[in-house]
Amino acid sequence: MMKKMSLLVAGGIGYVLGTRAGRERYEQIKGLAVKVKDNPTVQEKAHQAADVAKAQAPVVKDKVTGVTEAAKSKVGGSRSDGDPFPDESLLNQEDPYPRGNLP
């Protein structure tokens, strides 16, 4: 019984000290992150990156559209009627997910 009590007390002390140290370290990291975020050089670079992304968006859109069209032509295009069931036999099955012994 004494061993269990000692283990619980040691665990409790370790938990309390660990959470205090953890909280202090968290505050250090948080403070550093705020300093970096508020740094004028970082702000300038972030704005530059956003401007480049906005400028390149139409170019990326055109490339994606071109790749999509190329993929459609290789696959055979898209269905114009929008029918998700190209084979009517799928609709007429009694149980599309049979159970039991399968061959």
Foldseek 3Di string as FASTA:
>chain_A
DVVVVVVVVVVVVCVVVVVVVVVVVVVVVVVVVVVQVPDPVNVVVVVVVVVVCVVCVVVVVVVVVVVVVVVQVVVPHDDPVPDPDPDCVVVPDPDPDDDDDDD
